[in-house]
C-alpha cells in the first residue's frame, strides 16, 4: 500500500542532519557545493545547491574552508499544503561542510 505524502511543514529535528549524510554526494567548485541525497523527512531524492562565495554570516566561519550550511528539502514531489511558490516538504537542517583540496 503506498504511503501518503507528508504534508508540507517547516520543521527540523536533531536527527535530520545525520540522517541526510547517509548516501549524501557532494560535488561542486570553489564557488558552490551541490548536495545530492534523500530528504530525511519525506525520503524523496533532491539536489541542493549552496553558494560558497559571496555570502558571509553574522558569525565568522570556523575557517575559510568550513561552512555551516542550512539545507532544505527541495524535492519536486507533491506535499499537501505546500505554498505554490515553494519546494520540498518543509524540512530543514544544518550541515558543516569542509572543503578538501584546492
C-alpha atoms as a PDB file:
ATOM      1  CA  UNK A   1       0.000   0.000   0.000  1.00  0.00           C
ATOM      2  CA  UNK A   2       1.559   3.356  -0.992  1.00  0.00           C
ATOM      3  CA  UNK A   3       2.373   5.773   1.797  1.00  0.00           C
ATOM      4  CA  UNK A   4       0.552   9.085   1.945  1.00  0.00           C
ATOM      5  CA  UNK A   5       2.826  12.051   1.243  1.00  0.00           C
ATOM      6  CA  UNK A   6       3.990  14.119   4.189  1.00  0.00           C
ATOM      7  CA  UNK A   7       2.076  17.383   4.444  1.00  0.00           C
ATOM      8  CA  UNK A   8       4.189  20.492   3.983  1.00  0.00           C
ATOM      9  CA  UNK A   9       5.536  21.741   7.320  1.00  0.00           C
ATOM     10  CA  UNK A  10       8.553  23.911   8.078  1.00  0.00           C
ATOM     11  CA  UNK A  11      10.212  21.620  10.596  1.00  0.00           C
ATOM     12  CA  UNK A  12      13.607  20.437  11.780  1.00  0.00           C
ATOM     13  CA  UNK A  13      14.717  17.619  14.050  1.00  0.00           C
ATOM     14  CA  UNK A  14      18.094  16.920  15.664  1.00  0.00           C
ATOM     15  CA  UNK A  15      18.342  13.675  13.666  1.00  0.00           C
ATOM     16  CA  UNK A  16      17.841  15.196  10.213  1.00  0.00           C
ATOM     17  CA  UNK A  17      21.454  16.243   9.577  1.00  0.00           C
ATOM     18  CA  UNK A  18      22.933  12.863  10.473  1.00  0.00           C
ATOM     19  CA  UNK A  19      20.260  11.004   8.508  1.00  0.00           C
ATOM     20  CA  UNK A  20      20.913  13.187   5.436  1.00  0.00           C
ATOM     21  CA  UNK A  21      24.594  12.206   5.485  1.00  0.00           C
ATOM     22  CA  UNK A  22      23.656   8.624   4.594  1.00  0.00           C
ATOM     23  CA  UNK A  23      24.181   8.365   0.858  1.00  0.00           C
ATOM     24  CA  UNK A  24      24.952  12.085   0.509  1.00  0.00           C
ATOM     25  CA  UNK A  25      27.074  13.062  -2.509  1.00  0.00           C
ATOM     26  CA  UNK A  26      28.827  16.408  -2.532  1.00  0.00           C
ATOM     27  CA  UNK A  27      30.187  17.895  -5.738  1.00  0.00           C
ATOM     28  CA  UNK A  28      30.845  21.392  -6.900  1.00  0.00           C
ATOM     29  CA  UNK A  29      33.505  24.003  -7.253  1.00  0.00           C
ATOM     30  CA  UNK A  30      35.155  26.603  -5.091  1.00  0.00           C
ATOM     31  CA  UNK A  31      32.033  28.738  -5.615  1.00  0.00           C
ATOM     32  CA  UNK A  32      29.250  26.267  -4.839  1.00  0.00           C
ATOM     33  CA  UNK A  33      28.517  22.927  -3.218  1.00  0.00           C
ATOM     34  CA  UNK A  34      25.976  20.619  -4.840  1.00  0.00           C
ATOM     35  CA  UNK A  35      24.484  18.202  -2.318  1.00  0.00           C
ATOM     36  CA  UNK A  36      22.609  15.219  -3.757  1.00  0.00           C
ATOM     37  CA  UNK A  37      20.751  12.927  -1.425  1.00  0.00           C
ATOM     38  CA  UNK A  38      17.460  11.933   0.150  1.00  0.00           C
ATOM     39  CA  UNK A  39      15.371  14.049   2.498  1.00  0.00           C
ATOM     40  CA  UNK A  40      15.393  12.534   5.995  1.00  0.00           C
ATOM     41  CA  UNK A  41      11.739  13.502   6.498  1.00  0.00           C
ATOM     42  CA  UNK A  42       9.888  12.677   3.264  1.00  0.00           C
ATOM     43  CA  UNK A  43      12.563  10.326   1.844  1.00  0.00           C
ATOM     44  CA  UNK A  44      12.382  11.886  -1.624  1.00  0.00           C
ATOM     45  CA  UNK A  45      15.604  12.482  -3.579  1.00  0.00           C
ATOM     46  CA  UNK A  46      16.676  16.071  -4.210  1.00  0.00           C
ATOM     47  CA  UNK A  47      19.658  18.212  -5.135  1.00  0.00           C
ATOM     48  CA  UNK A  48      20.534  21.314  -3.128  1.00  0.00           C
ATOM     49  CA  UNK A  49      22.952  23.955  -4.452  1.00  0.00           C
ATOM     50  CA  UNK A  50      24.694  26.119  -1.866  1.00  0.00           C
ATOM     51  CA  UNK A  51      26.892  29.073  -2.917  1.00  0.00           C
ATOM     52  CA  UNK A  52      30.246  29.156  -1.138  1.00  0.00           C
ATOM     53  CA  UNK A  53      31.289  32.623  -2.261  1.00  0.00           C
ATOM     54  CA  UNK A  54      29.632  35.977  -1.785  1.00  0.00           C
ATOM     55  CA  UNK A  55      27.823  35.192   1.465  1.00  0.00           C
ATOM     56  CA  UNK A  56      29.045  35.909   4.956  1.00  0.00           C
ATOM     57  CA  UNK A  57      27.179  35.005   8.115  1.00  0.00           C
ATOM     58  CA  UNK A  58      26.838  37.086  11.232  1.00  0.00           C
ATOM     59  CA  UNK A  59      29.487  34.940  12.876  1.00  0.00           C
ATOM     60  CA  UNK A  60      32.865  34.420  11.219  1.00  0.00           C
ATOM     61  CA  UNK A  61      33.304  30.914   9.786  1.00  0.00           C
ATOM     62  CA  UNK A  62      35.419  28.471  11.784  1.00  0.00           C
ATOM     63  CA  UNK A  63      37.860  28.625   8.933  1.00  0.00           C
ATOM     64  CA  UNK A  64      37.574  29.725   5.366  1.00  0.00           C
ATOM     65  CA  UNK A  65      37.362  26.052   4.406  1.00  0.00           C
ATOM     66  CA  UNK A  66      34.499  25.135   6.768  1.00  0.00           C
ATOM     67  CA  UNK A  67      30.954  26.243   6.068  1.00  0.00           C
ATOM     68  CA  UNK A  68      27.786  25.933   8.107  1.00  0.00           C
ATOM     69  CA  UNK A  69      25.041  25.277   5.581  1.00  0.00           C
ATOM     70  CA  UNK A  70      21.312  25.313   6.197  1.00  0.00           C
ATOM     71  CA  UNK A  71      19.912  22.664   3.874  1.00  0.00           C
ATOM     72  CA  UNK A  72      16.226  22.497   2.999  1.00  0.00           C
ATOM     73  CA  UNK A  73      14.332  19.761   1.236  1.00  0.00           C
ATOM     74  CA  UNK A  74      13.681  20.952  -2.305  1.00  0.00           C
ATOM     75  CA  UNK A  75      12.229  17.738  -3.702  1.00  0.00           C
ATOM     76  CA  UNK A  76       9.761  18.013  -6.553  1.00  0.00           C
ATOM     77  CA  UNK A  77       7.219  15.551  -5.147  1.00  0.00           C
ATOM     78  CA  UNK A  78       3.760  16.706  -4.059  1.00  0.00           C
ATOM     79  CA  UNK A  79       3.254  17.683  -0.414  1.00  0.00           C
ATOM     80  CA  UNK A  80      -0.269  18.747   0.618  1.00  0.00           C
ATOM     81  CA  UNK A  81      -0.449  22.308   1.896  1.00  0.00           C
ATOM     82  CA  UNK A  82       2.792  23.457   0.254  1.00  0.00           C
ATOM     83  CA  UNK A  83       2.657  27.077  -0.911  1.00  0.00           C
ATOM     84  CA  UNK A  84       2.605  27.402  -4.698  1.00  0.00           C
ATOM     85  CA  UNK A  85       5.928  29.278  -4.739  1.00  0.00           C
ATOM     86  CA  UNK A  86       7.782  26.786  -2.500  1.00  0.00           C
ATOM     87  CA  UNK A  87       9.531  23.437  -2.952  1.00  0.00           C
ATOM     88  CA  UNK A  88      10.040  20.322  -0.881  1.00  0.00           C
ATOM     89  CA  UNK A  89       8.290  19.070   2.233  1.00  0.00           C
ATOM     90  CA  UNK A  90       9.416  21.926   4.516  1.00  0.00           C
ATOM     91  CA  UNK A  91      12.152  20.033   6.370  1.00  0.00           C
ATOM     92  CA  UNK A  92      15.486  21.776   7.009  1.00  0.00           C
ATOM     93  CA  UNK A  93      18.717  21.118   8.925  1.00  0.00           C
ATOM     94  CA  UNK A  94      22.319  22.338   9.340  1.00  0.00           C
ATOM     95  CA  UNK A  95      25.379  20.612   7.888  1.00  0.00           C
ATOM     96  CA  UNK A  96      29.022  21.554   8.340  1.00  0.00           C
ATOM     97  CA  UNK A  97      30.866  21.268   5.043  1.00  0.00           C
ATOM     98  CA  UNK A  98      34.613  21.229   4.875  1.00  0.00           C
ATOM     99  CA  UNK A  99      36.411  21.915   1.631  1.00  0.00           C
ATOM    100  CA  UNK A 100      39.173  19.434   0.819  1.00  0.00           C
ATOM    101  CA  UNK A 101      41.924  20.220  -1.621  1.00  0.00           C
ATOM    102  CA  UNK A 102      42.323  23.483  -3.520  1.00  0.00           C
END
